[in-house]
Amino acid sequence: MKNILFIVFGGIIGGMLIINFFIEWDMNLNAVSTVIIKPEVYLQILQTIISLVALIGLFIAYKQMTKASEASQKQLSQERELSSKQYDQNVELLKKELTANYRDLIRNHKLSQRQFTMQELFDKRDLIMPYITIINKNKKLSYMERDKSNPYSIKLIHKIICGKANHNKNPSITKEGKVIKQAIFKVLNYYEYIAAGINAKVFDEEMVKRLTITAMVKTYTVFGPYINHLRTKHNKENLFIELEFVVKSWKKKKKIKKERESFK
């Protein structure tokens, strides 16, 4: 802005000096000539010079403003770019931090879940051991020695619980049969509880498999015919459904694993 003012004032002073030159030149000319230049001519010359100086000043001002605007836009663009880079960096740092925190959270959750699963299984197992002993003491059942590929038949279960192989819908139960039936249900309910915990993501499935897969699969398999009988003949469609889902899932995964290994 100061440069523009200097140019304008310089132009005006320059114009005045030029006019002064013309006046002196005119006076000298008049001394030898009869032609007289009118003052209006000098005034027009002055106006023309001032107009030219003003146009030059406006042009320079426009250039200065354009240059200042470009510089301002460039600075604003640089600031935006810097701000954008800073934002991206902050976002990346936040993502990394959140990812690390999430991994730590998952790791801690899995660790806590495993610890809880182990504690729960061991605590509850102590409660069902007496019932496993009751089932095992019956020589016809011999639960501990029973192979999982050899399930108990319905006739055998009926004979042990009711005293006869065949019965009506609501048979009478012997005293010993009542104790054995209660023991069978206690064991099955224990594994149903574990299976429900797996399906609900409360228990760590891998930890359960390490600790009880053999016992769970065997229990469901050997009592499978009895479970199906209760479902179909005694209107208990969802009886031990959680246990069935988990055991079948494990068997399916084991079968797929064997098939994959056979292709190696």
C-alpha atoms as a PDB file:
ATOM      1  CA  MET A   1       0.000   0.000   0.000  1.00  0.00           C
ATOM      2  CA  LYS A   2       2.874   2.366   0.801  1.00  0.00           C
ATOM      3  CA  ASN A   3       4.405   1.646  -2.615  1.00  0.00           C
ATOM      4  CA  ILE A   4       1.122   2.581  -4.298  1.00  0.00           C
ATOM      5  CA  LEU A   5       0.928   5.913  -2.424  1.00  0.00           C
ATOM      6  CA  PHE A   6       4.536   6.688  -3.354  1.00  0.00           C
ATOM      7  CA  ILE A   7       3.757   5.982  -7.013  1.00  0.00           C
ATOM      8  CA  VAL A   8       0.609   8.153  -7.002  1.00  0.00           C
ATOM      9  CA  PHE A   9       2.290  11.079  -5.261  1.00  0.00           C
ATOM     10  CA  GLY A  10       5.349  10.642  -7.420  1.00  0.00           C
ATOM     11  CA  GLY A  11       3.167  10.695 -10.521  1.00  0.00           C
ATOM     12  CA  ILE A  12       1.409  13.858  -9.388  1.00  0.00           C
ATOM     13  CA  ILE A  13       4.697  15.618  -8.568  1.00  0.00           C
ATOM     14  CA  GLY A  14       6.130  14.378 -11.870  1.00  0.00           C
ATOM     15  CA  GLY A  15       3.079  15.724 -13.672  1.00  0.00           C
ATOM     16  CA  MET A  16       3.463  19.102 -11.971  1.00  0.00           C
ATOM     17  CA  LEU A  17       7.139  19.215 -12.943  1.00  0.00           C
ATOM     18  CA  ILE A  18       6.203  18.378 -16.538  1.00  0.00           C
ATOM     19  CA  ILE A  19       3.573  21.121 -16.554  1.00  0.00           C
ATOM     20  CA  ASN A  20       6.096  23.538 -15.067  1.00  0.00           C
ATOM     21  CA  PHE A  21       8.474  22.548 -17.835  1.00  0.00           C
ATOM     22  CA  PHE A  22       5.808  23.257 -20.454  1.00  0.00           C
ATOM     23  CA  ILE A  23       5.030  26.608 -18.847  1.00  0.00           C
ATOM     24  CA  GLU A  24       8.676  27.691 -18.911  1.00  0.00           C
ATOM     25  CA  TRP A  25       9.020  26.315 -22.402  1.00  0.00           C
ATOM     26  CA  ASP A  26       5.870  28.260 -23.408  1.00  0.00           C
ATOM     27  CA  MET A  27       7.187  31.454 -21.870  1.00  0.00           C
ATOM     28  CA  ASN A  28      10.420  31.124 -23.771  1.00  0.00           C
ATOM     29  CA  LEU A  29       8.458  30.298 -26.874  1.00  0.00           C
ATOM     30  CA  ASN A  30       6.229  33.343 -26.415  1.00  0.00           C
ATOM     31  CA  ALA A  31       9.282  35.483 -26.237  1.00  0.00           C
ATOM     32  CA  VAL A  32      10.145  34.557 -29.784  1.00  0.00           C
ATOM     33  CA  SER A  33       6.720  33.651 -31.087  1.00  0.00           C
ATOM     34  CA  THR A  34       3.342  35.212 -31.395  1.00  0.00           C
ATOM     35  CA  VAL A  35       1.509  31.871 -30.530  1.00  0.00           C
ATOM     36  CA  ILE A  36       0.127  31.839 -27.000  1.00  0.00           C
ATOM     37  CA  ILE A  37      -0.905  28.510 -25.347  1.00  0.00           C
ATOM     38  CA  LYS A  38      -4.054  28.833 -23.283  1.00  0.00           C
ATOM     39  CA  PRO A  39      -4.113  27.822 -19.578  1.00  0.00           C
ATOM     40  CA  GLU A  40      -6.926  25.309 -20.311  1.00  0.00           C
ATOM     41  CA  VAL A  41      -4.460  23.283 -22.340  1.00  0.00           C
ATOM     42  CA  TYR A  42      -2.125  23.008 -19.379  1.00  0.00           C
ATOM     43  CA  LEU A  43      -5.087  21.981 -17.208  1.00  0.00           C
ATOM     44  CA  GLN A  44      -6.063  19.232 -19.683  1.00  0.00           C
ATOM     45  CA  ILE A  45      -2.504  18.008 -19.756  1.00  0.00           C
ATOM     46  CA  LEU A  46      -2.473  17.927 -15.953  1.00  0.00           C
ATOM     47  CA  GLN A  47      -5.766  15.985 -15.835  1.00  0.00           C
ATOM     48  CA  THR A  48      -4.470  13.514 -18.411  1.00  0.00           C
ATOM     49  CA  ILE A  49      -1.288  12.930 -16.439  1.00  0.00           C
ATOM     50  CA  ILE A  50      -3.210  12.538 -13.176  1.00  0.00           C
ATOM     51  CA  SER A  51      -5.590  10.077 -14.875  1.00  0.00           C
ATOM     52  CA  LEU A  52      -2.682   8.066 -16.227  1.00  0.00           C
ATOM     53  CA  VAL A  53      -1.018   8.076 -12.836  1.00  0.00           C
ATOM     54  CA  ALA A  54      -4.323   7.006 -11.193  1.00  0.00           C
ATOM     55  CA  LEU A  55      -4.750   4.157 -13.712  1.00  0.00           C
ATOM     56  CA  ILE A  56      -1.193   3.038 -13.122  1.00  0.00           C
ATOM     57  CA  GLY A  57      -1.815   3.200  -9.368  1.00  0.00           C
ATOM     58  CA  LEU A  58      -5.050   1.193  -9.721  1.00  0.00           C
ATOM     59  CA  PHE A  59      -3.296  -1.380 -11.858  1.00  0.00           C
ATOM     60  CA  ILE A  60      -0.483  -1.702  -9.372  1.00  0.00           C
ATOM     61  CA  ALA A  61      -3.013  -1.880  -6.520  1.00  0.00           C
ATOM     62  CA  TYR A  62      -4.906  -4.652  -8.362  1.00  0.00           C
ATOM     63  CA  LYS A  63      -1.678  -6.571  -8.859  1.00  0.00           C
ATOM     64  CA  GLN A  64      -0.735  -6.139  -5.222  1.00  0.00           C
ATOM     65  CA  MET A  65      -4.185  -7.272  -4.060  1.00  0.00           C
ATOM     66  CA  THR A  66      -4.087 -10.274  -6.431  1.00  0.00           C
ATOM     67  CA  LYS A  67      -0.629 -11.187  -5.195  1.00  0.00           C
ATOM     68  CA  ALA A  68      -1.724 -10.792  -1.570  1.00  0.00           C
ATOM     69  CA  SER A  69      -4.859 -12.910  -2.239  1.00  0.00           C
ATOM     70  CA  GLU A  70      -2.793 -15.652  -3.879  1.00  0.00           C
ATOM     71  CA  ALA A  71      -0.331 -15.593  -1.006  1.00  0.00           C
ATOM     72  CA  SER A  72      -3.201 -15.760   1.475  1.00  0.00           C
ATOM     73  CA  GLN A  73      -4.832 -18.661  -0.402  1.00  0.00           C
ATOM     74  CA  LYS A  74      -1.496 -20.454  -0.620  1.00  0.00           C
ATOM     75  CA  GLN A  75      -0.928 -19.989   3.102  1.00  0.00           C
ATOM     76  CA  LEU A  76      -4.489 -21.141   3.840  1.00  0.00           C
ATOM     77  CA  SER A  77      -3.990 -24.170   1.584  1.00  0.00           C
ATOM     78  CA  GLN A  78      -0.732 -25.020   3.346  1.00  0.00           C
ATOM     79  CA  GLU A  79      -2.403 -24.651   6.737  1.00  0.00           C
ATOM     80  CA  ARG A  80      -5.270 -26.869   5.613  1.00  0.00           C
ATOM     81  CA  GLU A  81      -2.860 -29.449   4.241  1.00  0.00           C
ATOM     82  CA  LEU A  82      -0.860 -29.366   7.455  1.00  0.00           C
ATOM     83  CA  SER A  83      -4.054 -29.599   9.492  1.00  0.00           C
ATOM     84  CA  SER A  84      -5.252 -32.496   7.332  1.00  0.00           C
ATOM     85  CA  LYS A  85      -1.935 -34.321   7.766  1.00  0.00           C
ATOM     86  CA  GLN A  86      -2.036 -33.702  11.495  1.00  0.00           C
ATOM     87  CA  TYR A  87      -5.627 -34.985  11.606  1.00  0.00           C
ATOM     88  CA  ASP A  88      -4.665 -38.110   9.660  1.00  0.00           C
ATOM     89  CA  GLN A  89      -1.718 -38.685  11.970  1.00  0.00           C
ATOM     90  CA  ASN A  90      -3.939 -38.270  15.018  1.00  0.00           C
ATOM     91  CA  VAL A  91      -6.495 -40.670  13.536  1.00  0.00           C
ATOM     92  CA  GLU A  92      -3.790 -43.255  12.820  1.00  0.00           C
ATOM     93  CA  LEU A  93      -2.387 -42.911  16.326  1.00  0.00           C
ATOM     94  CA  LEU A  94      -5.882 -43.248  17.763  1.00  0.00           C
ATOM     95  CA  LYS A  95      -6.527 -46.336  15.627  1.00  0.00           C
ATOM     96  CA  LYS A  96      -3.298 -47.933  16.792  1.00  0.00           C
ATOM     97  CA  GLU A  97      -4.069 -47.085  20.391  1.00  0.00           C
ATOM     98  CA  LEU A  98      -7.618 -48.402  20.133  1.00  0.00           C
ATOM     99  CA  THR A  99      -6.398 -51.547  18.372  1.00  0.00           C
ATOM    100  CA  ALA A 100      -3.807 -52.146  21.073  1.00  0.00           C
ATOM    101  CA  ASN A 101      -6.369 -51.512  23.805  1.00  0.00           C
ATOM    102  CA  TYR A 102      -8.864 -53.809  22.068  1.00  0.00           C
ATOM    103  CA  ARG A 103      -6.279 -56.571  21.783  1.00  0.00           C
ATOM    104  CA  ASP A 104      -5.367 -56.170  25.433  1.00  0.00           C
ATOM    105  CA  LEU A 105      -9.047 -56.224  26.340  1.00  0.00           C
ATOM    106  CA  ILE A 106      -9.662 -59.388  24.306  1.00  0.00           C
ATOM    107  CA  ARG A 107      -6.523 -61.001  25.719  1.00  0.00           C
ATOM    108  CA  ASN A 108      -7.548 -60.156  29.271  1.00  0.00           C
ATOM    109  CA  HIS A 109     -11.104 -61.280  28.584  1.00  0.00           C
ATOM    110  CA  LYS A 110      -9.928 -64.610  27.157  1.00  0.00           C
ATOM    111  CA  LEU A 111      -7.614 -65.098  30.108  1.00  0.00           C
ATOM    112  CA  SER A 112     -10.388 -64.298  32.585  1.00  0.00           C
ATOM    113  CA  GLN A 113     -12.798 -66.513  30.649  1.00  0.00           C
ATOM    114  CA  ARG A 114     -10.371 -69.443  30.753  1.00  0.00           C
ATOM    115  CA  GLN A 115      -9.757 -68.984  34.462  1.00  0.00           C
ATOM    116  CA  PHE A 116     -13.483 -68.745  35.138  1.00  0.00           C
ATOM    117  CA  THR A 117     -14.146 -71.834  33.006  1.00  0.00           C
ATOM    118  CA  MET A 118     -11.543 -73.909  34.824  1.00  0.00           C
ATOM    119  CA  GLN A 119     -12.780 -72.815  38.224  1.00  0.00           C
ATOM    120  CA  GLU A 120     -16.428 -73.437  37.366  1.00  0.00           C
ATOM    121  CA  LEU A 121     -15.782 -76.880  35.876  1.00  0.00           C
ATOM    122  CA  PHE A 122     -13.691 -78.059  38.798  1.00  0.00           C
ATOM    123  CA  ASP A 123     -16.143 -76.724  41.397  1.00  0.00           C
ATOM    124  CA  LYS A 124     -19.190 -78.259  39.727  1.00  0.00           C
ATOM    125  CA  ARG A 125     -17.408 -81.531  38.973  1.00  0.00           C
ATOM    126  CA  ASP A 126     -16.927 -82.133  42.684  1.00  0.00           C
ATOM    127  CA  LEU A 127     -20.705 -81.895  43.038  1.00  0.00           C
ATOM    128  CA  ILE A 128     -21.493 -84.549  40.413  1.00  0.00           C
ATOM    129  CA  MET A 129     -18.815 -87.070  41.336  1.00  0.00           C
ATOM    130  CA  PRO A 130     -21.082 -88.783  43.920  1.00  0.00           C
ATOM    131  CA  TYR A 131     -23.747 -89.231  41.213  1.00  0.00           C
ATOM    132  CA  ILE A 132     -21.219 -90.681  38.772  1.00  0.00           C
ATOM    133  CA  THR A 133     -20.220 -93.108  41.523  1.00  0.00           C
ATOM    134  CA  ILE A 134     -23.891 -94.141  41.983  1.00  0.00           C
ATOM    135  CA  ILE A 135     -24.265 -94.872  38.249  1.00  0.00           C
ATOM    136  CA  ASN A 136     -20.950 -96.695  38.134  1.00  0.00           C
ATOM    137  CA  LYS A 137     -21.819 -98.962  41.092  1.00  0.00           C
ATOM    138  CA  ASN A 138     -24.693-100.472  39.160  1.00  0.00           C
ATOM    139  CA  LYS A 139     -23.076-103.485  37.501  1.00  0.00           C
ATOM    140  CA  LYS A 140     -25.424-103.373  34.509  1.00  0.00           C
ATOM    141  CA  LEU A 141     -24.433 -99.773  33.800  1.00  0.00           C
ATOM    142  CA  SER A 142     -20.751 -99.704  34.855  1.00  0.00           C
ATOM    143  CA  TYR A 143     -20.516 -96.135  33.647  1.00  0.00           C
ATOM    144  CA  MET A 144     -16.738 -95.715  34.023  1.00  0.00           C
ATOM    145  CA  GLU A 145     -15.939 -98.827  32.006  1.00  0.00           C
ATOM    146  CA  ARG A 146     -18.621 -98.221  29.402  1.00  0.00           C
ATOM    147  CA  ASP A 147     -17.323 -97.491  25.915  1.00  0.00           C
ATOM    148  CA  LYS A 148     -18.893 -94.520  24.158  1.00  0.00           C
ATOM    149  CA  SER A 149     -19.526 -96.656  21.093  1.00  0.00           C
ATOM    150  CA  ASN A 150     -21.797 -98.888  23.162  1.00  0.00           C
ATOM    151  CA  PRO A 151     -24.824 -96.805  24.315  1.00  0.00           C
ATOM    152  CA  TYR A 152     -27.311 -98.054  26.886  1.00  0.00           C
ATOM    153  CA  SER A 153     -30.448 -99.500  25.329  1.00  0.00           C
ATOM    154  CA  ILE A 154     -33.902 -98.280  26.336  1.00  0.00           C
ATOM    155  CA  LYS A 155     -34.801-101.741  27.647  1.00  0.00           C
ATOM    156  CA  LEU A 156     -31.766-101.768  29.920  1.00  0.00           C
ATOM    157  CA  ILE A 157     -32.555 -98.290  31.302  1.00  0.00           C
ATOM    158  CA  HIS A 158     -36.216 -99.236  31.835  1.00  0.00           C
ATOM    159  CA  LYS A 159     -35.278-102.445  33.589  1.00  0.00           C
ATOM    160  CA  ILE A 160     -32.895-100.637  35.929  1.00  0.00           C
ATOM    161  CA  ILE A 161     -35.261 -97.729  36.712  1.00  0.00           C
ATOM    162  CA  CYS A 162     -38.672 -99.415  36.535  1.00  0.00           C
ATOM    163  CA  GLY A 163     -37.793-103.044  37.158  1.00  0.00           C
ATOM    164  CA  LYS A 164     -39.051-104.205  33.744  1.00  0.00           C
ATOM    165  CA  ALA A 165     -37.994-103.697  30.158  1.00  0.00           C
ATOM    166  CA  ASN A 166     -41.385-102.506  28.855  1.00  0.00           C
ATOM    167  CA  HIS A 167     -43.858-100.223  30.618  1.00  0.00           C
ATOM    168  CA  ASN A 168     -46.745 -97.846  30.114  1.00  0.00           C
ATOM    169  CA  LYS A 169     -46.434 -94.063  29.707  1.00  0.00           C
ATOM    170  CA  ASN A 170     -46.334 -93.420  33.464  1.00  0.00           C
ATOM    171  CA  PRO A 171     -44.628 -96.471  35.001  1.00  0.00           C
ATOM    172  CA  SER A 172     -43.874 -97.012  38.643  1.00  0.00           C
ATOM    173  CA  ILE A 173     -40.219 -96.506  39.604  1.00  0.00           C
ATOM    174  CA  THR A 174     -38.348 -98.688  42.083  1.00  0.00           C
ATOM    175  CA  LYS A 175     -36.544 -97.128  44.994  1.00  0.00           C
ATOM    176  CA  GLU A 176     -33.154 -97.991  43.556  1.00  0.00           C
ATOM    177  CA  GLY A 177     -34.329 -96.894  40.098  1.00  0.00           C
ATOM    178  CA  LYS A 178     -35.327 -93.485  41.467  1.00  0.00           C
ATOM    179  CA  VAL A 179     -31.829 -92.967  42.870  1.00  0.00           C
ATOM    180  CA  ILE A 180     -30.180 -94.026  39.598  1.00  0.00           C
ATOM    181  CA  LYS A 181     -32.506 -91.877  37.482  1.00  0.00           C
ATOM    182  CA  GLN A 182     -31.740 -88.862  39.663  1.00  0.00           C
ATOM    183  CA  ALA A 183     -28.010 -89.564  39.320  1.00  0.00           C
ATOM    184  CA  ILE A 184     -28.298 -89.854  35.510  1.00  0.00           C
ATOM    185  CA  PHE A 185     -30.149 -86.540  35.310  1.00  0.00           C
ATOM    186  CA  LYS A 186     -27.640 -84.833  37.629  1.00  0.00           C
ATOM    187  CA  VAL A 187     -24.747 -85.838  35.374  1.00  0.00           C
ATOM    188  CA  LEU A 188     -26.586 -84.913  32.168  1.00  0.00           C
ATOM    189  CA  ASN A 189     -27.687 -81.568  33.674  1.00  0.00           C
ATOM    190  CA  TYR A 190     -24.083 -80.810  34.596  1.00  0.00           C
ATOM    191  CA  TYR A 191     -22.916 -81.244  31.016  1.00  0.00           C
ATOM    192  CA  GLU A 192     -26.008 -79.419  29.729  1.00  0.00           C
ATOM    193  CA  TYR A 193     -24.994 -76.488  31.933  1.00  0.00           C
ATOM    194  CA  ILE A 194     -21.480 -76.521  30.484  1.00  0.00           C
ATOM    195  CA  ALA A 195     -22.808 -76.769  26.912  1.00  0.00           C
ATOM    196  CA  ALA A 196     -25.181 -73.853  27.497  1.00  0.00           C
ATOM    197  CA  GLY A 197     -22.235 -71.802  28.783  1.00  0.00           C
ATOM    198  CA  ILE A 198     -20.271 -72.612  25.627  1.00  0.00           C
ATOM    199  CA  ASN A 199     -23.184 -71.686  23.337  1.00  0.00           C
ATOM    200  CA  ALA A 200     -23.699 -68.424  25.230  1.00  0.00           C
ATOM    201  CA  LYS A 201     -19.943 -67.586  24.996  1.00  0.00           C
ATOM    202  CA  VAL A 202     -19.687 -67.571  28.783  1.00  0.00           C
ATOM    203  CA  PHE A 203     -17.265 -70.502  28.941  1.00  0.00           C
ATOM    204  CA  ASP A 204     -14.115 -70.811  26.864  1.00  0.00           C
ATOM    205  CA  GLU A 205     -14.848 -73.674  24.475  1.00  0.00           C
ATOM    206  CA  GLU A 206     -11.218 -74.686  23.954  1.00  0.00           C
ATOM    207  CA  MET A 207     -10.671 -74.940  27.690  1.00  0.00           C
ATOM    208  CA  VAL A 208     -13.826 -77.063  28.087  1.00  0.00           C
ATOM    209  CA  LYS A 209     -12.660 -79.359  25.287  1.00  0.00           C
ATOM    210  CA  ARG A 210      -9.289 -79.814  26.967  1.00  0.00           C
ATOM    211  CA  LEU A 211     -10.864 -80.676  30.292  1.00  0.00           C
ATOM    212  CA  THR A 212     -14.082 -82.558  29.535  1.00  0.00           C
ATOM    213  CA  ILE A 213     -14.499 -83.388  25.830  1.00  0.00           C
ATOM    214  CA  THR A 214     -14.137 -87.128  26.402  1.00  0.00           C
ATOM    215  CA  ALA A 215     -16.569 -87.212  29.315  1.00  0.00           C
ATOM    216  CA  MET A 216     -19.143 -84.947  27.607  1.00  0.00           C
ATOM    217  CA  VAL A 217     -19.155 -86.880  24.340  1.00  0.00           C
ATOM    218  CA  LYS A 218     -19.287 -90.225  26.127  1.00  0.00           C
ATOM    219  CA  THR A 219     -22.130 -89.161  28.468  1.00  0.00           C
ATOM    220  CA  TYR A 220     -24.284 -87.824  25.642  1.00  0.00           C
ATOM    221  CA  THR A 221     -23.550 -90.859  23.436  1.00  0.00           C
ATOM    222  CA  VAL A 222     -24.195 -93.629  25.956  1.00  0.00           C
ATOM    223  CA  PHE A 223     -27.403 -92.002  27.186  1.00  0.00           C
ATOM    224  CA  GLY A 224     -28.415 -90.872  23.680  1.00  0.00           C
ATOM    225  CA  PRO A 225     -31.161 -93.505  23.200  1.00  0.00           C
ATOM    226  CA  TYR A 226     -32.618 -92.648  26.617  1.00  0.00           C
ATOM    227  CA  ILE A 227     -32.596 -88.927  25.805  1.00  0.00           C
ATOM    228  CA  ASN A 228     -34.372 -89.543  22.474  1.00  0.00           C
ATOM    229  CA  HIS A 229     -36.896 -91.742  24.233  1.00  0.00           C
ATOM    230  CA  LEU A 230     -37.713 -89.006  26.737  1.00  0.00           C
ATOM    231  CA  ARG A 231     -38.074 -86.482  23.923  1.00  0.00           C
ATOM    232  CA  THR A 232     -40.376 -88.551  21.746  1.00  0.00           C
ATOM    233  CA  LYS A 233     -42.364 -90.556  24.295  1.00  0.00           C
ATOM    234  CA  HIS A 234     -42.546 -88.104  27.188  1.00  0.00           C
ATOM    235  CA  ASN A 235     -43.022 -84.794  25.295  1.00  0.00           C
ATOM    236  CA  LYS A 236     -39.648 -83.325  26.272  1.00  0.00           C
ATOM    237  CA  GLU A 237     -38.536 -82.064  22.878  1.00  0.00           C
ATOM    238  CA  ASN A 238     -35.804 -79.693  24.093  1.00  0.00           C
ATOM    239  CA  LEU A 239     -34.323 -81.985  26.719  1.00  0.00           C
ATOM    240  CA  PHE A 240     -30.514 -81.611  26.792  1.00  0.00           C
ATOM    241  CA  ILE A 241     -30.617 -79.747  23.470  1.00  0.00           C
ATOM    242  CA  GLU A 242     -27.582 -77.592  24.362  1.00  0.00           C
ATOM    243  CA  LEU A 243     -25.477 -80.671  25.046  1.00  0.00           C
ATOM    244  CA  GLU A 244     -26.572 -82.257  21.784  1.00  0.00           C
ATOM    245  CA  PHE A 245     -25.614 -79.147  19.796  1.00  0.00           C
ATOM    246  CA  VAL A 246     -22.120 -78.948  21.297  1.00  0.00           C
ATOM    247  CA  VAL A 247     -21.338 -82.670  20.983  1.00  0.00           C
ATOM    248  CA  LYS A 248     -22.525 -82.829  17.366  1.00  0.00           C
ATOM    249  CA  SER A 249     -20.499 -79.709  16.582  1.00  0.00           C
ATOM    250  CA  TRP A 250     -17.358 -81.281  18.029  1.00  0.00           C
ATOM    251  CA  LYS A 251     -17.943 -84.552  16.160  1.00  0.00           C
ATOM    252  CA  LYS A 252     -18.434 -82.652  12.900  1.00  0.00           C
ATOM    253  CA  LYS A 253     -15.225 -80.667  13.398  1.00  0.00           C
ATOM    254  CA  LYS A 254     -13.330 -83.857  14.246  1.00  0.00           C
ATOM    255  CA  LYS A 255     -14.662 -85.542  11.103  1.00  0.00           C
ATOM    256  CA  ILE A 256     -13.640 -82.581   8.929  1.00  0.00           C
ATOM    257  CA  LYS A 257     -10.187 -82.579  10.517  1.00  0.00           C
ATOM    258  CA  LYS A 258      -9.728 -86.279   9.775  1.00  0.00           C
ATOM    259  CA  GLU A 259     -10.862 -85.786   6.174  1.00  0.00           C
ATOM    260  CA  ARG A 260      -8.373 -82.971   5.705  1.00  0.00           C
ATOM    261  CA  GLU A 261      -5.566 -85.059   7.189  1.00  0.00           C
ATOM    262  CA  SER A 262      -6.402 -87.935   4.838  1.00  0.00           C
ATOM    263  CA  PHE A 263      -5.684 -85.695   1.836  1.00  0.00           C
ATOM    264  CA  LYS A 264      -2.215 -84.766   3.047  1.00  0.00           C
END
